[in-house]
């Protein structure tokens, strides 16, 4: 069984609910996956993986690779939707402490708009590498 475990302490309920919803969609798309949530102290964990059987091991390594890719997309969406706004606020707070709250909010709004545009990181070329694709690639490298 290919197995992943992730944990969260901040916004854990919202994050896990979002991931559960996306895993449910993957399951409906013919993935034979299982997952469960559990808590250790203040950390909320989600463990998931592909159900394993002998035939799957012998015949279909592609399903495992596809699952890694799809789970990488789920984690990327989670990072962009839940963590990016928090990181942006922290960066503004730490680097632009001299601005008024109204100015910080303006900087935050402009930065959020720029992040949502999804412009290619490397202009031109055959493949357009967006910020989202770069995150997916980093997660895949980690999983591999």
N, C-alpha and C. Protein backbone atom coordinates (compact mmCIF):
# COMPACT_ATOMS: atom_id res chain seq x y z
N UNK A 1 0.84 -1.18 0.00
CA UNK A 1 0.00 0.00 0.00
C UNK A 1 0.88 1.23 0.00
N UNK A 2 0.59 2.16 -0.89
CA UNK A 2 1.25 3.46 -0.86
C UNK A 2 0.55 4.27 0.22
N UNK A 3 1.29 4.80 1.16
CA UNK A 3 0.68 5.44 2.31
C UNK A 3 1.26 6.83 2.53
N UNK A 4 0.38 7.77 2.80
CA UNK A 4 0.77 9.14 3.10
C UNK A 4 0.12 9.55 4.41
N UNK A 5 0.82 10.35 5.19
CA UNK A 5 0.23 10.94 6.39
C UNK A 5 0.60 12.41 6.41
N UNK A 6 -0.39 13.25 6.63
CA UNK A 6 -0.14 14.68 6.78
C UNK A 6 -0.77 15.13 8.08
N UNK A 7 -0.27 16.21 8.63
CA UNK A 7 -0.79 16.73 9.88
C UNK A 7 -0.93 18.23 9.83
N UNK A 8 -1.84 18.74 10.65
CA UNK A 8 -2.06 20.18 10.73
C UNK A 8 -2.48 20.55 12.14
N UNK A 9 -2.08 21.72 12.56
CA UNK A 9 -2.52 22.24 13.85
C UNK A 9 -3.38 23.48 13.66
N UNK A 10 -3.04 24.28 12.69
CA UNK A 10 -3.78 25.52 12.43
C UNK A 10 -4.77 25.26 11.30
N UNK A 11 -6.00 25.66 11.50
CA UNK A 11 -7.08 25.45 10.53
C UNK A 11 -7.28 23.97 10.21
N UNK A 12 -6.97 23.11 11.16
CA UNK A 12 -6.96 21.67 10.91
C UNK A 12 -8.32 21.15 10.45
N UNK A 13 -9.39 21.58 11.08
CA UNK A 13 -10.72 21.10 10.71
C UNK A 13 -11.05 21.46 9.26
N UNK A 14 -10.82 22.71 8.89
CA UNK A 14 -11.12 23.16 7.53
C UNK A 14 -10.25 22.45 6.50
N UNK A 15 -8.98 22.31 6.82
CA UNK A 15 -8.05 21.64 5.90
C UNK A 15 -8.45 20.19 5.70
N UNK A 16 -8.71 19.48 6.79
CA UNK A 16 -9.05 18.06 6.68
C UNK A 16 -10.40 17.86 5.99
N UNK A 17 -11.34 18.76 6.23
CA UNK A 17 -12.63 18.66 5.54
C UNK A 17 -12.45 18.84 4.03
N UNK A 18 -11.62 19.79 3.65
CA UNK A 18 -11.34 20.03 2.24
C UNK A 18 -10.65 18.82 1.60
N UNK A 19 -9.66 18.27 2.28
CA UNK A 19 -8.94 17.11 1.75
C UNK A 19 -9.88 15.90 1.67
N UNK A 20 -10.70 15.71 2.69
CA UNK A 20 -11.68 14.61 2.67
C UNK A 20 -12.60 14.70 1.46
N UNK A 21 -13.07 15.91 1.17
CA UNK A 21 -13.96 16.12 0.02
C UNK A 21 -13.26 15.75 -1.29
N UNK A 22 -12.01 16.13 -1.41
CA UNK A 22 -11.27 15.83 -2.63
C UNK A 22 -10.91 14.35 -2.73
N UNK A 23 -10.61 13.72 -1.60
CA UNK A 23 -10.34 12.27 -1.61
C UNK A 23 -11.60 11.49 -1.98
N UNK A 24 -12.74 11.97 -1.51
CA UNK A 24 -14.01 11.34 -1.87
C UNK A 24 -14.22 11.40 -3.39
N UNK A 25 -13.86 12.53 -4.00
CA UNK A 25 -13.97 12.66 -5.46
C UNK A 25 -13.01 11.69 -6.16
N UNK A 26 -11.81 11.53 -5.62
CA UNK A 26 -10.85 10.58 -6.20
C UNK A 26 -11.38 9.15 -6.10
N UNK A 27 -12.00 8.84 -4.98
CA UNK A 27 -12.53 7.50 -4.78
C UNK A 27 -13.63 7.22 -5.81
N UNK A 28 -14.45 8.22 -6.09
CA UNK A 28 -15.52 8.06 -7.10
C UNK A 28 -14.93 7.91 -8.50
N UNK A 29 -13.70 8.39 -8.68
CA UNK A 29 -13.02 8.28 -9.97
C UNK A 29 -12.25 6.97 -10.09
N UNK A 30 -12.70 5.96 -9.37
CA UNK A 30 -12.17 4.59 -9.45
C UNK A 30 -10.82 4.36 -8.81
N UNK A 31 -10.43 5.19 -7.86
CA UNK A 31 -9.26 4.87 -7.04
C UNK A 31 -9.75 4.02 -5.89
N UNK A 32 -9.02 2.98 -5.57
CA UNK A 32 -9.37 2.13 -4.45
C UNK A 32 -8.56 2.62 -3.25
N UNK A 33 -9.00 3.75 -2.67
CA UNK A 33 -8.23 4.38 -1.59
C UNK A 33 -8.98 4.32 -0.27
N UNK A 34 -8.20 4.40 0.77
CA UNK A 34 -8.74 4.46 2.13
C UNK A 34 -8.04 5.60 2.85
N UNK A 35 -8.74 6.18 3.83
CA UNK A 35 -8.13 7.21 4.66
C UNK A 35 -8.83 7.28 6.00
N UNK A 36 -8.10 7.81 6.95
CA UNK A 36 -8.65 7.99 8.28
C UNK A 36 -8.00 9.19 8.94
N UNK A 37 -8.73 9.80 9.86
CA UNK A 37 -8.22 10.93 10.62
C UNK A 37 -8.03 10.51 12.06
N UNK A 38 -7.03 11.11 12.68
CA UNK A 38 -6.82 10.88 14.11
C UNK A 38 -6.07 12.07 14.69
N UNK A 39 -6.15 12.21 16.01
CA UNK A 39 -5.49 13.31 16.71
C UNK A 39 -4.42 12.76 17.62
N UNK A 40 -3.31 13.46 17.68
CA UNK A 40 -2.28 13.24 18.68
C UNK A 40 -1.98 14.61 19.26
N UNK A 41 -2.34 14.77 20.52
CA UNK A 41 -2.22 16.06 21.18
C UNK A 41 -3.05 17.08 20.40
N UNK A 42 -2.44 18.19 19.96
CA UNK A 42 -3.18 19.22 19.23
C UNK A 42 -3.05 19.07 17.71
N UNK A 43 -2.41 18.02 17.27
CA UNK A 43 -2.17 17.83 15.83
C UNK A 43 -3.24 16.91 15.26
N UNK A 44 -3.85 17.35 14.17
CA UNK A 44 -4.84 16.54 13.46
C UNK A 44 -4.13 15.88 12.28
N UNK A 45 -4.18 14.55 12.21
CA UNK A 45 -3.51 13.80 11.15
C UNK A 45 -4.54 13.18 10.22
N UNK A 46 -4.14 13.03 8.97
CA UNK A 46 -4.91 12.29 7.99
C UNK A 46 -3.95 11.31 7.33
N UNK A 47 -4.31 10.05 7.39
CA UNK A 47 -3.50 8.99 6.78
C UNK A 47 -4.31 8.43 5.63
N UNK A 48 -3.69 8.31 4.47
CA UNK A 48 -4.42 7.76 3.32
C UNK A 48 -3.49 6.95 2.43
N UNK A 49 -4.11 6.11 1.63
CA UNK A 49 -3.32 5.29 0.72
C UNK A 49 -4.20 4.46 -0.19
N UNK A 50 -3.55 3.78 -1.09
CA UNK A 50 -4.24 2.89 -2.03
C UNK A 50 -4.33 1.52 -1.40
N UNK A 51 -5.51 0.91 -1.48
CA UNK A 51 -5.65 -0.46 -0.97
C UNK A 51 -4.72 -1.36 -1.77
N UNK A 52 -4.14 -2.27 -1.08
CA UNK A 52 -3.12 -3.12 -1.69
C UNK A 52 -3.62 -4.55 -1.85
N UNK A 53 -3.30 -5.12 -2.98
CA UNK A 53 -3.49 -6.55 -3.16
C UNK A 53 -2.39 -7.05 -4.09
N UNK A 54 -2.23 -8.33 -4.19
CA UNK A 54 -1.14 -8.92 -4.96
C UNK A 54 -1.23 -8.54 -6.44
N UNK A 55 -2.42 -8.55 -7.01
CA UNK A 55 -2.57 -8.20 -8.42
C UNK A 55 -2.15 -6.76 -8.70
N UNK A 56 -2.52 -5.87 -7.80
CA UNK A 56 -2.14 -4.47 -7.99
C UNK A 56 -0.63 -4.32 -7.98
N UNK A 57 0.03 -5.00 -7.05
CA UNK A 57 1.49 -4.91 -6.98
C UNK A 57 2.15 -5.42 -8.24
N UNK A 58 1.62 -6.49 -8.81
CA UNK A 58 2.24 -7.09 -9.98
C UNK A 58 1.92 -6.36 -11.27
N UNK A 59 0.73 -5.77 -11.38
CA UNK A 59 0.29 -5.26 -12.67
C UNK A 59 0.20 -3.75 -12.79
N UNK A 60 -0.04 -3.03 -11.71
CA UNK A 60 -0.40 -1.63 -11.89
C UNK A 60 0.37 -0.67 -10.98
N UNK A 61 1.62 -0.44 -11.32
CA UNK A 61 2.41 0.57 -10.60
C UNK A 61 1.96 1.97 -11.01
N UNK A 62 1.34 2.06 -12.17
CA UNK A 62 0.87 3.35 -12.67
C UNK A 62 -0.18 3.95 -11.74
N UNK A 63 -1.03 3.12 -11.14
CA UNK A 63 -2.06 3.64 -10.24
C UNK A 63 -1.43 4.37 -9.06
N UNK A 64 -0.34 3.84 -8.55
CA UNK A 64 0.36 4.47 -7.44
C UNK A 64 0.92 5.83 -7.87
N UNK A 65 1.52 5.88 -9.05
CA UNK A 65 2.06 7.14 -9.57
C UNK A 65 0.96 8.16 -9.82
N UNK A 66 -0.17 7.70 -10.37
CA UNK A 66 -1.31 8.59 -10.59
C UNK A 66 -1.84 9.13 -9.27
N UNK A 67 -1.89 8.25 -8.26
CA UNK A 67 -2.36 8.70 -6.95
C UNK A 67 -1.43 9.75 -6.36
N UNK A 68 -0.13 9.55 -6.49
CA UNK A 68 0.83 10.55 -6.01
C UNK A 68 0.58 11.90 -6.68
N UNK A 69 0.38 11.86 -7.99
CA UNK A 69 0.15 13.11 -8.72
C UNK A 69 -1.15 13.77 -8.27
N UNK A 70 -2.23 13.00 -8.18
CA UNK A 70 -3.51 13.57 -7.76
C UNK A 70 -3.45 14.08 -6.32
N UNK A 71 -2.77 13.35 -5.44
CA UNK A 71 -2.64 13.82 -4.07
C UNK A 71 -1.77 15.07 -4.00
N UNK A 72 -0.77 15.16 -4.87
CA UNK A 72 0.05 16.38 -4.95
C UNK A 72 -0.79 17.58 -5.33
N UNK A 73 -1.73 17.37 -6.24
CA UNK A 73 -2.64 18.46 -6.63
C UNK A 73 -3.52 18.86 -5.45
N UNK A 74 -3.99 17.87 -4.68
CA UNK A 74 -4.82 18.17 -3.50
C UNK A 74 -4.01 18.99 -2.49
N UNK A 75 -2.78 18.58 -2.23
CA UNK A 75 -1.94 19.32 -1.28
C UNK A 75 -1.60 20.72 -1.80
N UNK A 76 -1.40 20.84 -3.10
CA UNK A 76 -1.13 22.15 -3.68
C UNK A 76 -2.32 23.07 -3.48
N UNK A 77 -3.52 22.57 -3.75
CA UNK A 77 -4.72 23.38 -3.52
C UNK A 77 -4.84 23.78 -2.06
N UNK A 78 -4.50 22.87 -1.17
CA UNK A 78 -4.56 23.16 0.26
C UNK A 78 -3.56 24.25 0.63
N UNK A 79 -2.36 24.15 0.11
CA UNK A 79 -1.34 25.16 0.38
C UNK A 79 -1.80 26.52 -0.13
N UNK A 80 -2.28 26.56 -1.36
CA UNK A 80 -2.69 27.84 -1.96
C UNK A 80 -3.92 28.42 -1.26
N UNK A 81 -4.88 27.57 -0.93
CA UNK A 81 -6.13 28.07 -0.34
C UNK A 81 -6.02 28.40 1.14
N UNK A 82 -5.26 27.60 1.90
CA UNK A 82 -5.25 27.76 3.34
C UNK A 82 -3.98 28.39 3.91
N UNK A 83 -2.81 28.05 3.34
CA UNK A 83 -1.56 28.52 3.92
C UNK A 83 -1.04 29.80 3.28
N UNK A 84 -1.26 29.94 2.00
CA UNK A 84 -0.72 31.12 1.31
C UNK A 84 -1.23 32.44 1.91
N UNK A 85 -2.53 32.57 2.18
CA UNK A 85 -2.98 33.84 2.78
C UNK A 85 -2.34 34.11 4.14
N UNK A 86 -2.14 33.05 4.94
CA UNK A 86 -1.50 33.22 6.25
C UNK A 86 -0.03 33.62 6.08
N UNK A 87 0.65 32.99 5.13
CA UNK A 87 2.05 33.33 4.88
C UNK A 87 2.19 34.76 4.39
N UNK A 88 1.27 35.16 3.53
CA UNK A 88 1.30 36.52 3.00
C UNK A 88 1.13 37.53 4.13
N UNK A 89 0.19 37.29 5.02
CA UNK A 89 -0.01 38.20 6.16
C UNK A 89 1.23 38.26 7.04
N UNK A 90 1.86 37.10 7.27
CA UNK A 90 3.06 37.08 8.11
C UNK A 90 4.22 37.83 7.45
N UNK A 91 4.37 37.65 6.15
CA UNK A 91 5.45 38.34 5.43
C UNK A 91 5.24 39.85 5.49
N UNK A 92 4.00 40.28 5.28
CA UNK A 92 3.70 41.72 5.33
C UNK A 92 3.93 42.25 6.73
N UNK A 93 3.50 41.51 7.74
CA UNK A 93 3.66 41.95 9.14
C UNK A 93 5.14 42.08 9.50
N UNK A 94 5.97 41.10 9.08
CA UNK A 94 7.38 41.11 9.44
C UNK A 94 8.21 42.11 8.63
N UNK A 95 7.87 42.29 7.34
CA UNK A 95 8.70 43.13 6.48
C UNK A 95 8.19 44.55 6.29
N UNK A 96 6.93 44.77 6.56
CA UNK A 96 6.34 46.09 6.36
C UNK A 96 5.67 46.58 7.64
N UNK A 97 6.34 46.37 8.76
CA UNK A 97 5.81 46.75 10.07
C UNK A 97 5.58 48.25 10.19
N UNK A 98 6.26 49.04 9.38
CA UNK A 98 6.17 50.49 9.45
C UNK A 98 4.94 51.05 8.73
N UNK A 99 4.23 50.20 7.98
CA UNK A 99 3.03 50.66 7.28
C UNK A 99 1.83 50.69 8.23
N UNK A 100 0.86 51.51 7.90
CA UNK A 100 -0.38 51.53 8.68
C UNK A 100 -1.19 50.28 8.33
N UNK A 101 -2.19 49.97 9.12
CA UNK A 101 -3.02 48.79 8.85
C UNK A 101 -3.71 48.90 7.49
N UNK A 102 -4.13 50.09 7.13
CA UNK A 102 -4.79 50.30 5.84
C UNK A 102 -3.81 50.05 4.69
N UNK A 103 -2.58 50.50 4.84
CA UNK A 103 -1.55 50.28 3.82
C UNK A 103 -1.20 48.80 3.71
N UNK A 104 -1.11 48.12 4.86
CA UNK A 104 -0.83 46.68 4.86
C UNK A 104 -1.94 45.92 4.15
N UNK A 105 -3.17 46.34 4.37
CA UNK A 105 -4.30 45.69 3.70
C UNK A 105 -4.24 45.92 2.19
N UNK A 106 -3.82 47.10 1.78
CA UNK A 106 -3.68 47.41 0.35
C UNK A 106 -2.58 46.53 -0.26
N UNK A 107 -1.45 46.42 0.41
CA UNK A 107 -0.35 45.56 -0.06
C UNK A 107 -0.84 44.12 -0.17
N UNK A 108 -1.56 43.67 0.84
CA UNK A 108 -2.10 42.31 0.84
C UNK A 108 -3.04 42.07 -0.34
N UNK A 109 -3.92 43.02 -0.61
CA UNK A 109 -4.86 42.88 -1.74
C UNK A 109 -4.14 42.83 -3.07
N UNK A 110 -3.14 43.69 -3.25
CA UNK A 110 -2.38 43.70 -4.50
C UNK A 110 -1.61 42.38 -4.67
N UNK A 111 -0.96 41.94 -3.60
CA UNK A 111 -0.20 40.69 -3.65
C UNK A 111 -1.12 39.51 -3.95
N UNK A 112 -2.30 39.49 -3.33
CA UNK A 112 -3.26 38.41 -3.58
C UNK A 112 -3.70 38.39 -5.04
N UNK A 113 -3.96 39.56 -5.60
CA UNK A 113 -4.34 39.64 -7.02
C UNK A 113 -3.22 39.10 -7.91
N UNK A 114 -2.00 39.49 -7.61
CA UNK A 114 -0.87 39.02 -8.42
C UNK A 114 -0.71 37.51 -8.32
N UNK A 115 -0.90 36.97 -7.13
CA UNK A 115 -0.78 35.52 -6.95
C UNK A 115 -1.88 34.76 -7.68
N UNK A 116 -3.05 35.35 -7.78
CA UNK A 116 -4.16 34.67 -8.44
C UNK A 116 -4.06 34.69 -9.96
N UNK A 117 -3.22 35.56 -10.51
CA UNK A 117 -3.10 35.66 -11.96
C UNK A 117 -2.45 34.44 -12.59
N UNK A 118 -1.64 33.69 -11.85
CA UNK A 118 -0.99 32.48 -12.35
C UNK A 118 -0.20 32.74 -13.63
N UNK A 119 0.60 33.77 -13.63
CA UNK A 119 1.49 34.01 -14.76
C UNK A 119 2.63 33.00 -14.73
N UNK A 120 3.14 32.64 -15.90
CA UNK A 120 4.26 31.70 -15.92
C UNK A 120 5.47 32.26 -15.16
N UNK A 121 6.14 31.39 -14.42
CA UNK A 121 7.35 31.80 -13.71
C UNK A 121 8.47 32.02 -14.72
N UNK A 122 8.57 31.12 -15.70
CA UNK A 122 9.57 31.24 -16.76
C UNK A 122 8.83 31.62 -18.04
N UNK A 123 8.94 32.88 -18.47
CA UNK A 123 8.20 33.29 -19.66
C UNK A 123 8.70 32.59 -20.92
N UNK A 124 7.78 32.40 -21.86
CA UNK A 124 8.14 31.76 -23.13
C UNK A 124 8.36 30.28 -22.94
N UNK A 125 9.02 29.68 -23.91
CA UNK A 125 9.31 28.26 -23.81
C UNK A 125 8.10 27.41 -24.16
N UNK A 126 8.33 26.13 -24.26
CA UNK A 126 7.28 25.21 -24.64
C UNK A 126 6.31 24.98 -23.49
N UNK A 127 6.84 24.80 -22.28
CA UNK A 127 6.00 24.58 -21.11
C UNK A 127 5.94 25.85 -20.28
N UNK A 128 4.77 26.20 -19.86
CA UNK A 128 4.62 27.34 -18.98
C UNK A 128 4.61 26.82 -17.55
N UNK A 129 5.66 27.14 -16.81
CA UNK A 129 5.75 26.68 -15.43
C UNK A 129 5.11 27.73 -14.55
N UNK A 130 3.95 27.39 -14.01
CA UNK A 130 3.26 28.31 -13.12
C UNK A 130 3.67 27.99 -11.68
N UNK A 131 3.32 28.89 -10.81
CA UNK A 131 3.60 28.70 -9.39
C UNK A 131 2.93 27.43 -8.90
N UNK A 132 1.70 27.17 -9.33
CA UNK A 132 0.96 25.97 -8.93
C UNK A 132 1.70 24.71 -9.40
N UNK A 133 2.14 24.71 -10.65
CA UNK A 133 2.87 23.56 -11.18
C UNK A 133 4.19 23.34 -10.45
N UNK A 134 4.83 24.43 -10.06
CA UNK A 134 6.10 24.31 -9.34
C UNK A 134 5.86 23.66 -7.97
N UNK A 135 4.77 24.02 -7.29
CA UNK A 135 4.45 23.41 -6.00
C UNK A 135 4.16 21.92 -6.19
N UNK A 136 3.37 21.59 -7.21
CA UNK A 136 3.06 20.18 -7.48
C UNK A 136 4.35 19.40 -7.71
N UNK A 137 5.24 19.95 -8.50
CA UNK A 137 6.51 19.28 -8.80
C UNK A 137 7.33 19.05 -7.52
N UNK A 138 7.39 20.05 -6.66
CA UNK A 138 8.15 19.91 -5.40
C UNK A 138 7.53 18.83 -4.51
N UNK A 139 6.21 18.77 -4.44
CA UNK A 139 5.56 17.75 -3.62
C UNK A 139 5.83 16.36 -4.22
N UNK A 140 5.73 16.23 -5.54
CA UNK A 140 6.02 14.95 -6.18
C UNK A 140 7.45 14.49 -5.92
N UNK A 141 8.39 15.42 -6.01
CA UNK A 141 9.79 15.08 -5.72
C UNK A 141 9.94 14.58 -4.30
N UNK A 142 9.24 15.22 -3.37
CA UNK A 142 9.30 14.81 -1.98
C UNK A 142 8.70 13.41 -1.80
N UNK A 143 7.56 13.17 -2.42
CA UNK A 143 6.89 11.87 -2.29
C UNK A 143 7.74 10.75 -2.91
N UNK A 144 8.42 11.05 -3.99
CA UNK A 144 9.27 10.04 -4.63
C UNK A 144 10.50 9.77 -3.82
